[in-house]
Protein backbone atom coordinates (compact mmCIF):
# COMPACT_ATOMS: atom_id res chain seq x y z
CA UNK A 1 0.00 0.00 0.00
CA UNK A 2 2.66 2.52 1.10
CA UNK A 3 6.13 2.55 -0.44
CA UNK A 4 8.88 5.07 0.28
CA UNK A 5 12.04 4.74 -1.77
CA UNK A 6 15.15 6.79 -0.86
CA UNK A 7 12.98 9.63 0.47
CA UNK A 8 14.73 12.80 1.58
CA UNK A 9 13.27 16.00 2.96
CA UNK A 10 15.50 19.06 3.16
CA UNK A 11 14.39 22.45 4.49
CA UNK A 12 16.24 25.68 3.86
CA UNK A 13 16.57 27.61 7.12
CA UNK A 14 18.42 30.83 6.45
CA UNK A 15 21.75 29.86 4.92
CA UNK A 16 21.60 26.33 6.25
CA UNK A 17 20.04 23.13 4.95
CA UNK A 18 18.20 21.02 7.51
CA UNK A 19 17.94 17.33 6.60
CA UNK A 20 14.65 16.30 8.22
CA UNK A 21 14.61 12.90 6.46
CA UNK A 22 17.58 11.01 5.04
CA UNK A 23 17.32 8.11 2.58
CA UNK A 24 14.16 6.60 4.07
CA UNK A 25 13.00 3.28 2.61
CA UNK A 26 9.73 1.89 3.95
CA UNK A 27 6.93 -0.41 2.89
CA UNK A 28 3.71 -0.54 4.91
CA UNK A 29 1.06 -3.07 3.94
CA UNK A 30 -2.69 -2.57 4.12
CA UNK A 31 -4.09 -3.24 7.58
CA UNK A 32 -0.84 -2.79 9.49
CA UNK A 33 -0.61 -1.07 12.88
CA UNK A 34 2.64 0.91 12.93
CA UNK A 35 4.12 3.16 15.60
CA UNK A 36 6.63 5.79 14.48
CA UNK A 37 8.87 6.78 17.37
CA UNK A 38 11.97 8.83 18.10
CA UNK A 39 13.18 11.91 19.97
CA UNK A 40 12.10 15.45 19.15
CA UNK A 41 13.61 16.52 15.84
CA UNK A 42 14.11 12.96 14.61
CA UNK A 43 11.80 13.45 11.60
CA UNK A 44 8.59 11.82 12.88
CA UNK A 45 6.24 14.66 11.99
CA UNK A 46 7.98 15.27 8.66
CA UNK A 47 7.48 11.62 7.75
CA UNK A 48 3.83 11.76 8.79
CA UNK A 49 3.29 14.91 6.69
CA UNK A 50 4.72 13.17 3.63
CA UNK A 51 2.63 10.04 4.21
CA UNK A 52 -0.44 12.26 4.52
CA UNK A 53 0.34 14.15 1.27
CA UNK A 54 0.68 17.37 3.26
CA UNK A 55 4.28 17.74 2.13
CA UNK A 56 6.43 16.44 -0.71
CA UNK A 57 9.83 14.73 -0.57
CA UNK A 58 12.81 16.76 -1.74
CA UNK A 59 14.10 13.55 -3.32
CA UNK A 60 12.94 9.98 -3.60
CA UNK A 61 9.52 8.50 -4.35
CA UNK A 62 6.38 8.06 -2.26
CA UNK A 63 3.87 5.65 -3.78
CA UNK A 64 0.38 5.06 -2.41
CA UNK A 65 -1.34 2.04 -3.97
CA UNK A 66 1.19 2.30 -6.80
CA UNK A 67 0.49 5.99 -7.42
CA UNK A 68 3.49 8.36 -7.30
CA UNK A 69 2.07 10.93 -4.88
CA UNK A 70 5.01 13.31 -5.24
CA UNK A 71 4.37 13.63 -8.97
CA UNK A 72 0.73 14.67 -8.57
CA UNK A 73 -0.38 18.23 -9.23
CA UNK A 74 -1.66 20.43 -6.41
CA UNK A 75 -5.22 19.87 -7.62
CA UNK A 76 -4.97 16.10 -7.01
CA UNK A 77 -3.50 16.12 -3.51
CA UNK A 78 -6.67 17.29 -1.71
CA UNK A 79 -8.55 14.44 -3.36
CA UNK A 80 -6.00 11.92 -2.05
CA UNK A 81 -6.24 13.38 1.46
CA UNK A 82 -10.02 13.55 1.38
CA UNK A 83 -10.75 10.03 0.21
CA UNK A 84 -7.82 7.86 1.23
CA UNK A 85 -6.29 9.33 4.39
CA UNK A 86 -7.77 10.32 7.75
CA UNK A 87 -5.92 12.53 10.24
CA UNK A 88 -6.09 12.64 14.04
CA UNK A 89 -4.02 15.25 15.88
CA UNK A 90 -3.04 15.86 19.48
CA UNK A 91 -4.98 19.14 19.64
CA UNK A 92 -8.30 17.82 18.23
CA UNK A 93 -8.78 20.83 15.84
CA UNK A 94 -12.55 20.92 16.30
CA UNK A 95 -14.60 23.97 15.29
CA UNK A 96 -15.83 25.43 18.61
CA UNK A 97 -19.17 26.75 17.34
CA UNK A 98 -20.19 23.46 15.72
CA UNK A 99 -21.71 20.49 17.50
CA UNK A 100 -20.03 17.09 17.50
CA UNK A 101 -22.23 16.11 14.55
CA UNK A 102 -21.41 19.36 12.75
CA UNK A 103 -17.67 18.77 13.15
CA UNK A 104 -17.96 15.23 11.81
CA UNK A 105 -20.06 16.43 8.89
CA UNK A 106 -17.61 19.16 7.85
CA UNK A 107 -15.32 17.10 5.53
CA UNK A 108 -18.39 15.91 3.64
CA UNK A 109 -19.61 19.49 3.19
CA UNK A 110 -16.27 20.36 1.57
CA UNK A 111 -16.51 17.21 -0.57
CA UNK A 112 -19.97 18.25 -1.81
CA UNK A 113 -21.85 15.17 -0.59
CA UNK A 114 -25.66 15.39 -0.50
CA UNK A 115 -27.16 16.33 2.86
CA UNK A 116 -28.97 13.03 3.34
CA UNK A 117 -25.76 11.06 2.81
CA UNK A 118 -23.89 13.42 5.15
CA UNK A 119 -26.40 12.84 7.93
CA UNK A 120 -26.32 9.06 7.48
CA UNK A 121 -22.52 8.92 7.49
CA UNK A 122 -22.30 11.27 10.48
CA UNK A 123 -24.65 9.05 12.46
CA UNK A 124 -22.64 5.93 11.64
CA UNK A 125 -19.32 7.58 12.48
CA UNK A 126 -20.52 8.89 15.84
CA UNK A 127 -22.00 5.49 16.66
CA UNK A 128 -18.67 3.87 15.82
CA UNK A 129 -16.91 6.01 18.47
CA UNK A 130 -19.73 5.67 21.00
CA UNK A 131 -20.95 9.26 20.88
CA UNK A 132 -24.45 9.06 19.44
CA UNK A 133 -25.89 10.57 22.62
CA UNK A 134 -23.44 13.50 22.47
CA UNK A 135 -24.05 14.44 18.83
CA UNK A 136 -25.67 17.81 19.66
CA UNK A 137 -22.99 18.92 22.14
CA UNK A 138 -20.34 21.51 21.27
CA UNK A 139 -16.66 20.81 22.00
CA UNK A 140 -16.72 22.91 25.19
CA UNK A 141 -19.45 20.60 26.50
CA UNK A 142 -17.36 17.47 25.94
CA UNK A 143 -14.49 15.91 27.87
CA UNK A 144 -11.03 15.66 26.32
CA UNK A 145 -11.55 12.01 25.51
CA UNK A 146 -14.91 12.73 23.90
CA UNK A 147 -13.40 15.53 21.80
CA UNK A 148 -10.71 13.18 20.54
CA UNK A 149 -13.36 10.61 19.68
CA UNK A 150 -15.22 13.28 17.70
CA UNK A 151 -11.97 13.98 15.88
CA UNK A 152 -11.61 10.26 15.11
CA UNK A 153 -15.20 10.12 13.83
CA UNK A 154 -14.45 13.08 11.56
CA UNK A 155 -11.27 11.35 10.34
CA UNK A 156 -13.08 8.14 9.35
CA UNK A 157 -16.34 9.56 8.01
CA UNK A 158 -15.08 9.64 4.40
CA UNK A 159 -14.06 5.98 4.60
CA UNK A 160 -10.26 6.33 4.33
CA UNK A 161 -7.92 3.38 3.94
CA UNK A 162 -5.27 4.91 6.23
CA UNK A 163 -5.54 6.70 9.56
CA UNK A 164 -2.56 8.86 10.57
CA UNK A 165 -2.54 9.79 14.27
CA UNK A 166 -0.04 12.34 15.59
CA UNK A 167 0.33 11.96 19.39
CA UNK A 168 -3.42 11.18 19.65
CA UNK A 169 -3.33 10.81 23.46
CA UNK A 170 -0.93 13.68 24.17
CA UNK A 171 -3.60 15.95 25.68
CA UNK A 172 -5.52 13.22 27.51
CA UNK A 173 -5.36 11.66 30.95
CA UNK A 174 -4.35 8.02 31.15
CA UNK A 175 -7.92 6.68 31.34
CA UNK A 176 -9.15 8.72 28.34
CA UNK A 177 -5.95 7.95 26.45
CA UNK A 178 -6.49 4.25 27.00
CA UNK A 179 -10.02 4.50 25.63
CA UNK A 180 -8.81 6.32 22.52
CA UNK A 181 -6.02 3.80 21.90
CA UNK A 182 -8.49 0.94 22.31
CA UNK A 183 -10.84 2.57 19.81
CA UNK A 184 -8.06 3.03 17.25
CA UNK A 185 -6.98 -0.58 17.71
CA UNK A 186 -10.52 -1.85 17.14
CA UNK A 187 -10.68 0.11 13.89
CA UNK A 188 -7.34 -1.36 12.87
CA UNK A 189 -8.66 -4.84 13.64
CA UNK A 190 -11.50 -4.13 11.21
CA UNK A 191 -8.99 -3.44 8.41
CA UNK A 192 -8.01 0.23 8.73
CA UNK A 193 -4.28 0.85 8.30
CA UNK A 194 -3.16 2.67 11.45
CA UNK A 195 0.05 4.72 11.67
CA UNK A 196 0.67 6.44 15.00
CA UNK A 197 3.39 8.95 15.82
CA UNK A 198 4.12 8.78 19.53
CA UNK A 199 6.85 9.39 22.09
CA UNK A 200 5.03 7.19 24.61
CA UNK A 201 6.72 3.76 24.91
CA UNK A 202 3.51 2.22 26.26
CA UNK A 203 1.59 3.19 23.11
CA UNK A 204 4.49 2.23 20.87
CA UNK A 205 4.64 -1.21 22.45
CA UNK A 206 1.00 -1.86 21.51
CA UNK A 207 1.68 -1.53 17.77
CA UNK A 208 2.52 -4.69 15.87
CA UNK A 209 5.39 -2.86 14.18
CA UNK A 210 7.65 -0.14 15.56
CA UNK A 211 9.70 2.19 13.38
CA UNK A 212 12.24 4.33 15.22
CA UNK A 213 13.83 7.44 13.69
CA UNK A 214 16.97 9.32 14.68
CA UNK A 215 18.41 12.30 12.84
CA UNK A 216 16.03 11.70 9.95
CA UNK A 217 17.02 8.06 9.41
CA UNK A 218 15.22 4.81 10.15
CA UNK A 219 17.37 3.18 12.84
CA UNK A 220 14.94 0.43 13.86
CA UNK A 221 12.10 -1.39 12.11
CA UNK A 222 10.89 -4.16 14.37
CA UNK A 223 7.80 -6.33 14.45
CA UNK A 224 6.34 -7.07 17.86
CA UNK A 225 4.55 -10.41 18.17
CA UNK A 226 1.49 -10.25 20.38
CA UNK A 227 1.33 -6.43 20.46
CA UNK A 228 -2.05 -4.78 20.76
CA UNK A 229 -3.52 -7.52 22.91
C-alpha cells in the first residue's frame, strides 16, 4: 500500500540546509498497525506529513497504492487526502461553534456530498466512536476524551484506507488515552491501516510494528509479536 524509496526532505533555514529525512526506505502493507517513534527533531512529523500528502519529498519516491504521490499536481492532492487518508491530531482541531455532529459532517460538506448522505454517514461515524448521545454537544461541553473521539469520527467519516494519528493521546489523561487507543486498535482490527506517531513507549509497544527514527534516518524497524492484545 505505502512505499517510500530513498525519500529525503530538506528544508532551507536561512543559509543552512536542515535534513529532516535522510534516505528513508519503507513499505507498509494494508491493515498494518505501525508506531513511528523517536526523539524530538528525529523526523517523525515530517514523515507523517509526507505520508499524509501534506508535504512532498525533496528527493525519492512516495507511492500510495502504486500511485506516485510526489508527482501529482496540487489539484490532485486534496482528493487523495479527502478520500484515502484520515488525520487525528493531538490538539483535536474541532470547530468550537459546531456540534459534535457538525464537526464530523464538515469534511463531507467540503466534498460536496448530498445532505442526506452526510447525515447518514455522520450518524454511523458517531456510533462507531460511542458518541451518538453527544451528537448535539459543542466541544466545550465534551471531555477531552470525547473531543478526541469526535476527531476520530471526523477522520473516518469519508471511509479512508489509512488513519494517521499524531500523538493522539498527548492531551488526555491516562484513562481517556487508554479509551482512545483501544478505539483506534478496534478500527485497525477491522482493516483500517493505522500509523501512530508517539513518544510514549507504552503506546508504541501496543503496535505490531515499531519504526524508530533518529536524525532523519530509520534506525529500527521491528515487528512485535502479540502487540495490541
